[in-house]
Amino acid sequence: MEKRYSGILLHPVSFPSKYGIGDFGRHCYEFIDFLFRSGQSLWQVLPLNPCGYGNSPYSPYSSFAGNELLIDLDSLQEHGILSKRDLELHPYFDDCFVDYELVNEWKFPLLKKCAATFLEKASKEDMKKFDIFEAENSWWLEDFSCFTVFRDHFNKEAKEEGIDGDSAWYAYWPEGLKRKEKSELSKWKKKLEEKIKIAKVLQYFFFEQWSKVKEYANQRGIKIVGDIPIFVSHDSSDVWANQELFKLKSDASLISVAGVPPDYFSPTGQRWGNPIYDWAAMEKDDFAWWKDRFRLNMKLYDIVRIDHFRGFDAFWSIPAKEKTAVKGKWVKAPGKKLFTSLKKEFGELPVIAEDLGHITESVYALRDKFNFPGMKVLHFAFDFKENGMLNPDNAFLPHNYEENSVVYTGTHDNDTTFGWYHKLPDNYKDLVRTYMARNDHDIVWDFIRLAISSSARYCILPFQDILEHGSESRMNTPSTVGKNWGWRYKQNDLNDYRLSRLSEMTWLYNRFNSTLIESD
């Protein structure tokens, strides 16, 4: 029998912290200990890149850089580059939700102060480590550091001039800098040299701390599942530094944008607004940009989930002028060529394919050709026919699962299981109970049992479901901007009651972490 796995979906921003946002500090390690003690062998995170519009990790400013807000301040204080008084003078933060505006205003100045102190006072050994990091990552670090510093500079300038509109690189930067002309780029690099160096140090802090987190998890038999958004943000270092790889007009504005047609999540579809790749240009250098992206992500994670995998077979292209995703069209993508090239470069690819939405036979064929496990979401299993009956052929019902798949109760885009179930009409609840042969006195754990006991090789559960939280703890509501991406749990949520229930169920259905067994 193939080894069976189970784990938890939890983004690091959701850890407890007195500094307003979860980070790579003490609570991160306590969570890994909870995973280990409960027999889990997977920890899935959302993208760890710097968040863009709406604080979404799926619209980052870079596909390569790390989110500086996840850097642990206590660790920097212990290394003598931040004072205790700096940390004591923090504002009041909500325990249950990330106030991104307040966190940004307070934490970024402290981080930059730490980086400046590091450059001034770091030991020879620490500075050597930084120099090695800078040299090994220069292929993306230089562009990102310049981009983020230029972006801050021109955003501030635009505000001072009273400009309320778009101050993104493609709309506001000087023409020569927008096009990365050597003379203009050199001029601005020299002018903002110190700030660019600080941006590089912050990335060094991020990668140093994350590597220790990953090592700690791996030593306990826990694999980290990362997440690659298929598309990138228009206002990103990726597009600014590689304009020839995207479908842009001569002024760098968009011709069309990515999204998905109307579906379960939205009757008007989702207009993501990301630029479309120029796949023909990418093929010319054998997908070098994608190889770089995979190379870095395979260092950061043990397994990579590809968000919107179907976009590698065909993607929904929407004219940029359209306000919704309704008037789009499917355009073919060279997924087979891409993954063949990646496999030749890296060998077998540790990939999970997010194969949800409008899926065709050609998407399944692409997934199966490379033996990527697909996703099964239990909330989607209970779609009901017009006569109100359950559809037994639904691929998301556990009796229809292929072994090579990953089962979730829900994802970051779903409501919590408690919230989802209690919003169902009574007759639908009856059918859910009938399928499970259970009453609903313990409905969330009934769903957890259904997932863990299934034939899917991998089982990943949102932490909100382990906590039996309602809709107030939902991570994201697609096609909305506002209170998304900020849910946080409290320290006492990691209690023995939840640990023992999860541990017992994981053991019963043969998913227990063998490292824990061997350590006993």
Protein backbone atom coordinates (compact mmCIF):
# COMPACT_ATOMS: atom_id res chain seq x y z
CA MET A 1 0.00 0.00 0.00
CA GLU A 2 1.19 3.50 -0.85
CA LYS A 3 2.00 5.73 2.11
CA ARG A 4 -0.95 7.92 3.15
CA TYR A 5 -0.57 11.50 4.32
CA SER A 6 -2.59 14.06 6.22
CA GLY A 7 -1.95 17.62 7.25
CA ILE A 8 -3.22 21.12 7.88
CA LEU A 9 -3.78 24.17 5.67
CA LEU A 10 -2.74 27.28 7.59
CA HIS A 11 -1.11 30.47 6.36
CA PRO A 12 1.61 31.92 8.64
CA VAL A 13 -0.23 35.26 8.98
CA SER A 14 -2.78 33.31 11.06
CA PHE A 15 -0.37 32.50 13.91
CA PRO A 16 -0.90 34.33 17.22
CA SER A 17 1.45 37.26 17.77
CA LYS A 18 1.47 40.41 19.88
CA TYR A 19 2.71 42.28 16.80
CA GLY A 20 -0.53 42.12 14.81
CA ILE A 21 0.37 39.42 12.28
CA GLY A 22 1.67 35.86 12.45
CA ASP A 23 5.37 35.38 11.74
CA PHE A 24 8.21 32.83 11.77
CA GLY A 25 8.68 33.14 15.52
CA ARG A 26 7.78 31.04 18.56
CA HIS A 27 4.16 30.38 17.60
CA CYS A 28 5.21 29.00 14.22
CA TYR A 29 7.35 26.36 15.93
CA GLU A 30 4.58 25.59 18.42
CA PHE A 31 2.24 24.93 15.49
CA ILE A 32 4.77 22.56 13.91
CA ASP A 33 4.98 20.77 17.26
CA PHE A 34 1.17 20.45 17.22
CA LEU A 35 1.35 18.92 13.75
CA PHE A 36 4.04 16.49 14.84
CA ARG A 37 2.32 15.41 18.07
CA SER A 38 -1.00 14.87 16.25
CA GLY A 39 0.67 12.63 13.64
CA GLN A 40 0.44 15.03 10.71
CA SER A 41 2.96 14.88 7.88
CA LEU A 42 1.92 17.89 5.74
CA TRP A 43 1.68 21.63 6.34
CA GLN A 44 0.21 23.64 3.47
CA VAL A 45 0.75 27.40 3.28
CA LEU A 46 -0.56 30.04 0.89
CA PRO A 47 1.98 31.92 -1.28
CA LEU A 48 4.69 33.50 0.92
CA ASN A 49 5.41 36.37 -1.48
CA PRO A 50 4.86 40.08 -0.69
CA CYS A 51 1.10 40.71 -0.80
CA GLY A 52 -0.29 43.06 -3.43
CA TYR A 53 -3.74 44.47 -4.08
CA GLY A 54 -6.24 43.70 -1.32
CA ASN A 55 -3.46 42.05 0.76
CA SER A 56 -3.87 38.97 -1.40
CA PRO A 57 -0.98 36.47 -1.47
CA TYR A 58 -2.26 35.49 -4.92
CA SER A 59 -1.45 38.92 -6.34
CA PRO A 60 2.11 39.49 -5.09
CA TYR A 61 4.66 42.13 -6.02
CA SER A 62 7.12 39.36 -6.82
CA SER A 63 7.00 35.62 -7.56
CA PHE A 64 10.45 35.21 -6.01
CA ALA A 65 10.69 37.52 -3.00
CA GLY A 66 9.37 36.73 0.49
CA ASN A 67 6.75 38.65 2.45
CA GLU A 68 8.76 40.84 4.83
CA LEU A 69 5.82 41.09 7.26
CA LEU A 70 6.39 37.42 8.17
CA ILE A 71 9.85 38.16 9.57
CA ASP A 72 10.05 37.44 13.32
CA LEU A 73 11.00 40.60 15.22
CA ASP A 74 11.86 38.79 18.46
CA SER A 75 14.58 36.86 16.66
CA LEU A 76 16.07 40.10 15.35
CA GLN A 77 15.97 41.55 18.87
CA GLU A 78 17.79 38.49 20.21
CA HIS A 79 20.49 39.08 17.61
CA GLY A 80 21.01 42.59 18.97
CA ILE A 81 19.75 44.56 15.97
CA LEU A 82 16.54 45.74 17.63
CA SER A 83 15.96 47.01 21.16
CA LYS A 84 13.38 45.66 23.62
CA ARG A 85 11.94 49.15 23.90
CA ASP A 86 11.25 49.19 20.15
CA LEU A 87 9.12 46.08 20.56
CA GLU A 88 7.37 47.26 23.72
CA LEU A 89 6.06 50.39 21.98
CA HIS A 90 3.71 48.57 19.64
CA PRO A 91 0.09 49.65 19.10
CA TYR A 92 -2.92 47.62 20.19
CA PHE A 93 -3.58 44.90 17.62
CA ASP A 94 -6.68 42.77 17.10
CA ASP A 95 -6.05 39.19 18.28
CA CYS A 96 -8.39 37.66 15.71
CA PHE A 97 -7.67 39.55 12.50
CA VAL A 98 -4.71 41.22 10.76
CA ASP A 99 -5.14 44.98 10.40
CA TYR A 100 -2.77 45.22 7.44
CA GLU A 101 -2.73 49.01 7.33
CA LEU A 102 -1.75 49.30 11.01
CA VAL A 103 0.75 46.44 10.79
CA ASN A 104 2.41 47.98 7.74
CA GLU A 105 2.65 51.40 9.37
CA TRP A 106 4.29 49.99 12.51
CA LYS A 107 6.32 46.99 11.37
CA PHE A 108 7.97 48.14 8.14
CA PRO A 109 9.85 51.08 9.72
CA LEU A 110 11.15 48.69 12.41
CA LEU A 111 12.25 46.16 9.81
CA LYS A 112 14.09 48.81 7.83
CA LYS A 113 15.73 50.02 11.03
CA CYS A 114 16.87 46.44 11.70
CA ALA A 115 18.31 46.12 8.20
CA ALA A 116 20.20 49.40 8.52
CA THR A 117 21.61 48.31 11.89
CA PHE A 118 22.63 44.97 10.41
CA LEU A 119 24.56 46.68 7.60
CA GLU A 120 26.30 48.87 10.15
CA LYS A 121 27.03 46.38 12.95
CA ALA A 122 26.82 42.83 11.61
CA SER A 123 29.68 40.49 12.44
CA LYS A 124 32.05 39.36 9.71
CA GLU A 125 30.41 35.95 9.76
CA ASP A 126 26.87 37.35 9.38
CA MET A 127 27.96 39.74 6.66
CA LYS A 128 29.60 36.88 4.79
CA LYS A 129 26.31 34.96 4.93
CA PHE A 130 24.48 37.97 3.57
CA ASP A 131 27.03 38.46 0.77
CA ILE A 132 26.62 34.80 -0.25
CA PHE A 133 22.81 35.18 -0.22
CA GLU A 134 23.02 38.34 -2.31
CA ALA A 135 25.33 36.73 -4.87
CA GLU A 136 23.36 33.47 -5.17
CA ASN A 137 20.03 35.29 -5.57
CA SER A 138 21.12 38.28 -7.63
CA TRP A 139 19.18 36.98 -10.66
CA TRP A 140 15.90 37.99 -8.98
CA LEU A 141 16.98 39.97 -5.91
CA GLU A 142 18.41 42.93 -7.83
CA ASP A 143 15.23 43.49 -9.86
CA PHE A 144 12.92 43.04 -6.89
CA SER A 145 14.91 45.31 -4.55
CA CYS A 146 15.05 48.06 -7.15
CA PHE A 147 11.36 47.63 -7.93
CA THR A 148 10.15 47.80 -4.33
CA VAL A 149 12.30 50.85 -3.53
CA PHE A 150 11.32 52.66 -6.73
CA ARG A 151 7.70 51.80 -6.05
CA ASP A 152 7.80 53.30 -2.54
CA HIS A 153 9.62 56.39 -3.83
CA PHE A 154 7.18 57.17 -6.63
CA ASN A 155 4.10 56.29 -4.56
CA LYS A 156 5.23 58.84 -2.00
CA GLU A 157 5.90 61.38 -4.75
CA ALA A 158 2.45 60.83 -6.25
CA LYS A 159 0.76 61.36 -2.88
CA GLU A 160 2.73 64.56 -2.30
CA GLU A 161 1.51 65.80 -5.68
CA GLY A 162 -2.07 64.97 -4.73
CA ILE A 163 -2.44 62.21 -7.32
CA ASP A 164 -5.20 59.86 -6.23
CA GLY A 165 -5.11 57.61 -9.28
CA ASP A 166 -2.80 54.84 -10.38
CA SER A 167 0.84 55.41 -9.38
CA ALA A 168 2.00 51.94 -10.49
CA TRP A 169 5.23 51.56 -12.49
CA TYR A 170 3.44 51.32 -15.85
CA ALA A 171 1.41 54.48 -15.23
CA TYR A 172 3.57 56.90 -13.26
CA TRP A 173 7.29 56.09 -13.37
CA PRO A 174 9.64 58.07 -15.67
CA GLU A 175 9.52 56.63 -19.18
CA GLY A 176 13.17 55.55 -19.20
CA LEU A 177 12.86 53.77 -15.86
CA LYS A 178 9.59 52.18 -16.91
CA ARG A 179 11.46 50.60 -19.83
CA LYS A 180 14.57 49.78 -17.76
CA GLU A 181 16.88 51.88 -19.93
CA LYS A 182 20.42 51.40 -18.64
CA SER A 183 21.26 55.07 -18.07
CA GLU A 184 17.99 55.83 -16.28
CA LEU A 185 18.17 52.66 -14.21
CA SER A 186 21.76 53.39 -13.20
CA LYS A 187 20.82 56.94 -12.17
CA TRP A 188 18.01 55.80 -9.87
CA LYS A 189 20.02 52.90 -8.45
CA LYS A 190 22.74 55.31 -7.40
CA LYS A 191 20.24 57.80 -5.99
CA LEU A 192 18.47 55.16 -3.87
CA GLU A 193 21.42 52.84 -3.28
CA GLU A 194 21.11 52.66 0.51
CA LYS A 195 17.40 51.82 0.44
CA ILE A 196 17.99 49.13 -2.20
CA LYS A 197 20.59 47.51 0.05
CA ILE A 198 18.13 47.56 2.95
CA ALA A 199 15.52 45.83 0.78
CA LYS A 200 18.04 43.07 0.07
CA VAL A 201 18.79 42.62 3.77
CA LEU A 202 15.09 42.21 4.52
CA GLN A 203 14.93 39.40 1.97
CA TYR A 204 17.97 37.85 3.64
CA PHE A 205 16.15 37.95 6.99
CA PHE A 206 13.08 36.29 5.43
CA PHE A 207 14.93 33.46 3.72
CA GLU A 208 17.18 32.78 6.73
CA GLN A 209 14.20 32.47 9.07
CA TRP A 210 12.09 30.42 6.67
CA SER A 211 14.93 27.96 6.01
CA LYS A 212 15.10 27.28 9.76
CA VAL A 213 11.33 26.78 9.91
CA LYS A 214 11.44 24.32 7.02
CA GLU A 215 14.37 22.44 8.52
CA TYR A 216 12.53 22.15 11.86
CA ALA A 217 9.43 20.77 10.12
CA ASN A 218 11.37 18.36 7.90
CA GLN A 219 13.28 16.95 10.89
CA ARG A 220 9.89 15.97 12.31
CA GLY A 221 8.77 14.24 9.13
CA ILE A 222 6.55 17.13 8.03
CA LYS A 223 6.64 18.15 4.38
CA ILE A 224 5.73 21.73 3.53
CA VAL A 225 3.27 22.23 0.69
CA GLY A 226 3.77 25.60 -0.99
CA ASP A 227 1.55 27.41 -3.45
CA ILE A 228 2.37 28.95 -6.84
CA PRO A 229 -0.23 31.31 -8.30
CA ILE A 230 -0.21 30.65 -12.04
CA PHE A 231 -0.41 34.36 -12.89
CA VAL A 232 1.49 37.38 -11.59
CA SER A 233 0.42 40.93 -10.78
CA HIS A 234 0.72 43.69 -13.39
CA ASP A 235 2.22 45.92 -10.69
CA SER A 236 5.09 43.55 -9.92
CA SER A 237 8.81 43.22 -10.37
CA ASP A 238 8.08 40.14 -12.51
CA VAL A 239 6.34 42.16 -15.22
CA TRP A 240 8.51 45.28 -14.93
CA ALA A 241 11.70 43.20 -15.29
CA ASN A 242 10.36 40.85 -18.01
CA GLN A 243 7.97 42.92 -20.11
CA GLU A 244 8.77 40.90 -23.23
CA LEU A 245 7.19 37.81 -21.61
CA PHE A 246 3.73 39.36 -21.20
CA LYS A 247 0.99 40.57 -23.53
CA LEU A 248 1.31 44.34 -23.09
CA LYS A 249 0.64 47.38 -25.21
CA SER A 250 3.51 49.69 -26.19
CA ASP A 251 2.82 51.84 -23.11
CA ALA A 252 2.97 48.72 -20.87
CA SER A 253 -0.80 48.76 -20.27
CA LEU A 254 -2.79 45.55 -20.56
CA ILE A 255 -4.39 44.13 -23.68
CA SER A 256 -6.32 41.44 -21.82
CA VAL A 257 -6.45 40.05 -18.31
CA ALA A 258 -6.79 36.66 -16.64
CA GLY A 259 -9.69 35.27 -14.65
CA VAL A 260 -12.30 32.54 -14.69
CA PRO A 261 -15.81 32.46 -16.14
CA PRO A 262 -18.94 32.39 -13.95
CA ASP A 263 -18.78 29.43 -11.54
CA TYR A 264 -19.63 28.15 -8.07
CA PHE A 265 -17.93 31.12 -6.44
CA SER A 266 -19.33 33.97 -8.56
CA PRO A 267 -22.18 34.40 -11.09
CA THR A 268 -20.12 36.99 -13.02
CA GLY A 269 -16.91 35.00 -12.84
CA GLN A 270 -13.67 36.32 -11.39
CA ARG A 271 -11.78 39.10 -13.16
CA TRP A 272 -8.37 38.77 -11.56
CA GLY A 273 -6.76 41.50 -13.63
CA ASN A 274 -3.42 39.71 -14.08
CA PRO A 275 -1.55 40.14 -17.35
CA ILE A 276 -1.57 37.26 -19.85
CA TYR A 277 1.70 35.48 -20.62
CA ASP A 278 3.24 35.72 -24.08
CA TRP A 279 3.69 31.96 -24.29
CA ALA A 280 5.35 32.15 -27.71
CA ALA A 281 8.09 34.36 -26.24
CA MET A 282 8.50 31.99 -23.30
CA GLU A 283 8.92 29.00 -25.59
CA LYS A 284 11.82 30.69 -27.39
CA ASP A 285 14.14 30.31 -24.38
CA ASP A 286 12.63 26.97 -23.32
CA PHE A 287 10.60 28.52 -20.47
CA ALA A 288 13.64 29.90 -18.61
CA TRP A 289 11.51 32.18 -16.41
CA TRP A 290 9.34 29.25 -15.30
CA LYS A 291 12.42 27.13 -14.61
CA ASP A 292 13.78 29.88 -12.38
CA ARG A 293 10.44 30.09 -10.60
CA PHE A 294 10.26 26.34 -9.99
CA ARG A 295 13.89 26.14 -8.94
CA LEU A 296 13.35 28.66 -6.15
CA ASN A 297 10.02 27.21 -5.03
CA MET A 298 11.43 23.70 -4.85
CA LYS A 299 13.99 25.03 -2.37
CA LEU A 300 11.32 26.76 -0.30
CA TYR A 301 8.90 23.82 -0.21
CA ASP A 302 8.80 20.02 -0.45
CA ILE A 303 5.63 19.92 -2.58
CA VAL A 304 4.19 22.68 -4.74
CA ARG A 305 0.48 23.23 -5.30
CA ILE A 306 -0.15 25.04 -8.60
CA ASP A 307 -3.12 27.34 -8.28
CA HIS A 308 -5.46 27.35 -11.31
CA PHE A 309 -3.69 24.44 -12.99
CA ARG A 310 -6.24 24.40 -15.81
CA GLY A 311 -4.68 27.64 -17.07
CA PHE A 312 -1.73 25.62 -18.38
CA ASP A 313 -4.09 23.83 -20.74
CA ALA A 314 -6.28 26.83 -21.60
CA PHE A 315 -6.83 30.14 -19.81
CA TRP A 316 -9.78 32.53 -19.65
CA SER A 317 -8.74 35.73 -21.44
CA ILE A 318 -10.84 38.83 -20.74
CA PRO A 319 -10.53 42.13 -22.67
CA ALA A 320 -8.93 44.59 -20.26
CA LYS A 321 -11.78 47.08 -20.73
CA GLU A 322 -14.37 44.61 -19.35
CA LYS A 323 -15.42 45.11 -15.72
CA THR A 324 -16.42 41.46 -15.13
CA ALA A 325 -15.21 38.09 -16.35
CA VAL A 326 -18.36 37.28 -18.33
CA LYS A 327 -17.11 38.33 -21.79
CA GLY A 328 -13.95 36.27 -21.99
CA LYS A 329 -12.72 33.36 -24.11
CA TRP A 330 -10.63 30.25 -23.65
CA VAL A 331 -7.15 30.42 -25.18
CA LYS A 332 -4.85 27.38 -25.43
CA ALA A 333 -1.59 27.29 -23.45
CA PRO A 334 1.49 25.07 -24.02
CA GLY A 335 1.24 23.18 -20.73
CA LYS A 336 2.52 19.91 -22.14
CA LYS A 337 5.66 21.56 -23.54
CA LEU A 338 6.22 23.48 -20.30
CA PHE A 339 5.99 20.51 -17.93
CA THR A 340 8.02 18.32 -20.28
CA SER A 341 10.77 20.93 -20.15
CA LEU A 342 10.49 21.26 -16.36
CA LYS A 343 10.60 17.50 -15.90
CA LYS A 344 13.70 17.27 -18.08
CA GLU A 345 15.33 19.95 -15.92
CA PHE A 346 14.27 18.76 -12.43
CA GLY A 347 13.13 15.15 -12.76
CA GLU A 348 9.80 14.09 -11.24
CA LEU A 349 7.91 17.20 -10.20
CA PRO A 350 6.42 17.26 -6.65
CA VAL A 351 3.27 19.05 -7.79
CA ILE A 352 -0.38 19.15 -6.69
CA ALA A 353 -2.68 20.34 -9.47
CA GLU A 354 -5.51 22.65 -8.40
CA ASP A 355 -7.92 21.23 -10.97
CA LEU A 356 -11.11 23.01 -9.86
CA GLY A 357 -13.58 25.04 -11.90
CA HIS A 358 -14.35 24.56 -15.61
CA ILE A 359 -12.32 21.40 -16.19
CA THR A 360 -12.18 19.59 -19.53
CA GLU A 361 -10.83 16.19 -20.52
CA SER A 362 -7.70 17.86 -21.91
CA VAL A 363 -6.96 19.35 -18.46
CA TYR A 364 -7.27 15.92 -16.84
CA ALA A 365 -5.08 14.46 -19.58
CA LEU A 366 -2.38 17.08 -18.87
CA ARG A 367 -2.59 16.41 -15.13
CA ASP A 368 -2.43 12.63 -15.53
CA LYS A 369 0.37 12.66 -18.11
CA PHE A 370 2.69 14.02 -15.42
CA ASN A 371 1.08 12.02 -12.60
CA PHE A 372 0.05 15.12 -10.64
CA PRO A 373 -2.56 14.46 -7.93
CA GLY A 374 -5.69 16.58 -8.34
CA MET A 375 -7.90 18.13 -5.67
CA LYS A 376 -11.18 16.88 -4.18
CA VAL A 377 -13.20 19.36 -2.10
CA LEU A 378 -15.92 17.85 0.06
CA HIS A 379 -18.07 21.00 0.00
CA PHE A 380 -18.36 20.52 -3.77
CA ALA A 381 -19.51 16.92 -3.33
CA PHE A 382 -22.97 17.96 -2.29
CA ASP A 383 -24.32 19.62 -5.41
CA PHE A 384 -27.92 18.64 -5.75
CA LYS A 385 -29.97 17.77 -8.82
CA GLU A 386 -33.01 19.80 -9.80
CA ASN A 387 -35.22 17.24 -8.05
CA GLY A 388 -33.28 17.88 -4.84
CA MET A 389 -31.51 14.52 -4.88
CA LEU A 390 -27.81 13.94 -4.44
CA ASN A 391 -25.80 13.31 -7.61
CA PRO A 392 -23.97 9.98 -7.00
CA ASP A 393 -21.66 10.55 -9.98
CA ASN A 394 -20.19 13.73 -8.49
CA ALA A 395 -16.41 13.36 -8.68
CA PHE A 396 -16.02 15.08 -5.30
CA LEU A 397 -17.95 12.38 -3.42
CA PRO A 398 -15.46 10.10 -1.65
CA HIS A 399 -16.71 6.89 -3.27
CA ASN A 400 -15.55 8.32 -6.64
CA TYR A 401 -11.99 9.31 -5.65
CA GLU A 402 -8.85 8.24 -7.46
CA GLU A 403 -6.09 7.26 -5.04
CA ASN A 404 -3.72 9.82 -6.54
CA SER A 405 -5.61 12.85 -5.26
CA VAL A 406 -5.72 15.33 -2.38
CA VAL A 407 -8.93 15.65 -0.38
CA TYR A 408 -9.87 18.86 1.42
CA THR A 409 -12.97 19.65 3.43
CA GLY A 410 -12.64 23.16 1.95
CA THR A 411 -9.92 25.49 0.66
CA HIS A 412 -8.91 29.07 1.44
CA ASP A 413 -11.68 30.20 -0.94
CA ASN A 414 -14.42 28.21 0.79
CA ASP A 415 -16.47 29.04 3.82
CA THR A 416 -15.56 27.01 6.91
CA THR A 417 -17.31 23.65 7.08
CA PHE A 418 -19.41 24.79 10.04
CA GLY A 419 -20.45 27.98 8.21
CA TRP A 420 -21.09 26.18 4.92
CA TYR A 421 -23.22 23.41 6.43
CA HIS A 422 -25.40 25.67 8.54
CA LYS A 423 -26.25 27.81 5.51
CA LEU A 424 -27.63 24.82 3.58
CA PRO A 425 -31.43 24.45 3.20
CA ASP A 426 -32.87 21.83 5.55
CA ASN A 427 -33.59 19.31 2.78
CA TYR A 428 -29.97 19.51 1.61
CA LYS A 429 -28.77 18.99 5.18
CA ASP A 430 -30.90 15.83 5.27
CA LEU A 431 -29.09 14.47 2.22
CA VAL A 432 -25.68 15.28 3.71
CA ARG A 433 -26.63 13.43 6.88
CA THR A 434 -28.02 10.52 4.86
CA TYR A 435 -24.78 10.16 2.86
CA MET A 436 -22.71 10.21 6.04
CA ALA A 437 -25.18 8.11 8.06
CA ARG A 438 -24.66 10.58 10.90
CA ASN A 439 -26.66 13.22 12.70
CA ASP A 440 -25.18 16.72 12.68
CA HIS A 441 -24.31 17.01 16.39
CA ASP A 442 -20.62 16.80 15.44
CA ILE A 443 -20.89 17.79 11.79
CA VAL A 444 -17.44 19.36 11.33
CA TRP A 445 -15.62 16.32 12.71
CA ASP A 446 -17.89 14.11 10.64
CA PHE A 447 -16.55 15.89 7.56
CA ILE A 448 -12.99 15.58 8.85
CA ARG A 449 -13.55 11.84 9.32
CA LEU A 450 -14.99 11.58 5.80
CA ALA A 451 -11.87 13.24 4.39
CA ILE A 452 -9.30 11.33 6.46
CA SER A 453 -10.97 7.96 5.87
CA SER A 454 -11.21 8.45 2.11
CA SER A 455 -9.07 6.60 -0.43
CA ALA A 456 -7.26 9.81 -1.44
CA ARG A 457 -3.55 9.46 -0.71
CA TYR A 458 -3.32 12.99 0.66
CA CYS A 459 -5.71 14.72 3.06
CA ILE A 460 -5.33 18.40 3.98
CA LEU A 461 -7.69 20.13 6.40
CA PRO A 462 -8.10 23.90 6.95
CA PHE A 463 -7.17 24.66 10.54
CA GLN A 464 -10.46 26.54 10.98
CA ASP A 465 -12.21 23.18 10.66
CA ILE A 466 -10.03 21.57 13.33
CA LEU A 467 -11.15 24.46 15.55
CA GLU A 468 -14.82 24.07 14.43
CA HIS A 469 -15.02 27.78 13.64
CA GLY A 470 -17.88 29.44 11.79
CA SER A 471 -18.00 31.86 8.85
CA GLU A 472 -16.34 34.63 10.88
CA SER A 473 -13.06 32.72 10.41
CA ARG A 474 -13.28 32.38 6.64
CA MET A 475 -9.93 33.21 4.99
CA ASN A 476 -11.19 34.59 1.68
CA THR A 477 -14.40 35.33 -0.18
CA PRO A 478 -13.58 35.36 -3.92
CA SER A 479 -14.40 38.47 -5.95
CA THR A 480 -14.48 40.64 -2.82
CA VAL A 481 -11.97 43.08 -1.35
CA GLY A 482 -12.02 43.92 2.32
CA LYS A 483 -11.85 41.54 5.25
CA ASN A 484 -9.90 38.78 3.52
CA TRP A 485 -6.59 37.04 4.21
CA GLY A 486 -6.40 38.15 7.83
CA TRP A 487 -7.94 35.47 10.08
CA ARG A 488 -5.86 34.52 13.14
CA TYR A 489 -6.26 31.85 15.78
CA LYS A 490 -5.51 32.23 19.50
CA GLN A 491 -2.74 30.49 21.38
CA ASN A 492 -5.07 28.39 23.54
CA ASP A 493 -6.60 26.91 20.36
CA LEU A 494 -3.66 24.46 20.24
CA ASN A 495 -5.11 22.36 23.05
CA ASP A 496 -4.95 18.68 23.93
CA TYR A 497 -8.62 18.06 23.09
CA ARG A 498 -8.12 18.95 19.42
CA LEU A 499 -4.74 17.27 19.30
CA SER A 500 -6.11 13.99 20.63
CA ARG A 501 -9.14 13.94 18.30
CA LEU A 502 -6.98 14.64 15.25
CA SER A 503 -4.29 12.20 16.37
CA GLU A 504 -6.76 9.36 16.93
CA MET A 505 -8.45 9.83 13.58
CA THR A 506 -5.13 10.09 11.74
CA TRP A 507 -3.99 6.84 13.37
CA LEU A 508 -7.22 4.97 12.68
CA TYR A 509 -7.08 5.66 8.96
CA ASN A 510 -3.38 4.90 8.48
CA ARG A 511 -2.08 8.42 7.87
CA PHE A 512 0.06 8.77 11.00
CA ASN A 513 3.47 10.43 10.70
CA SER A 514 5.99 7.59 10.80
CA THR A 515 8.66 9.89 12.26
CA LEU A 516 6.61 10.20 15.46
CA ILE A 517 6.15 6.43 15.61
CA GLU A 518 9.90 5.87 15.21
CA SER A 519 10.71 8.52 17.85
CA ASP A 520 8.52 6.66 20.37
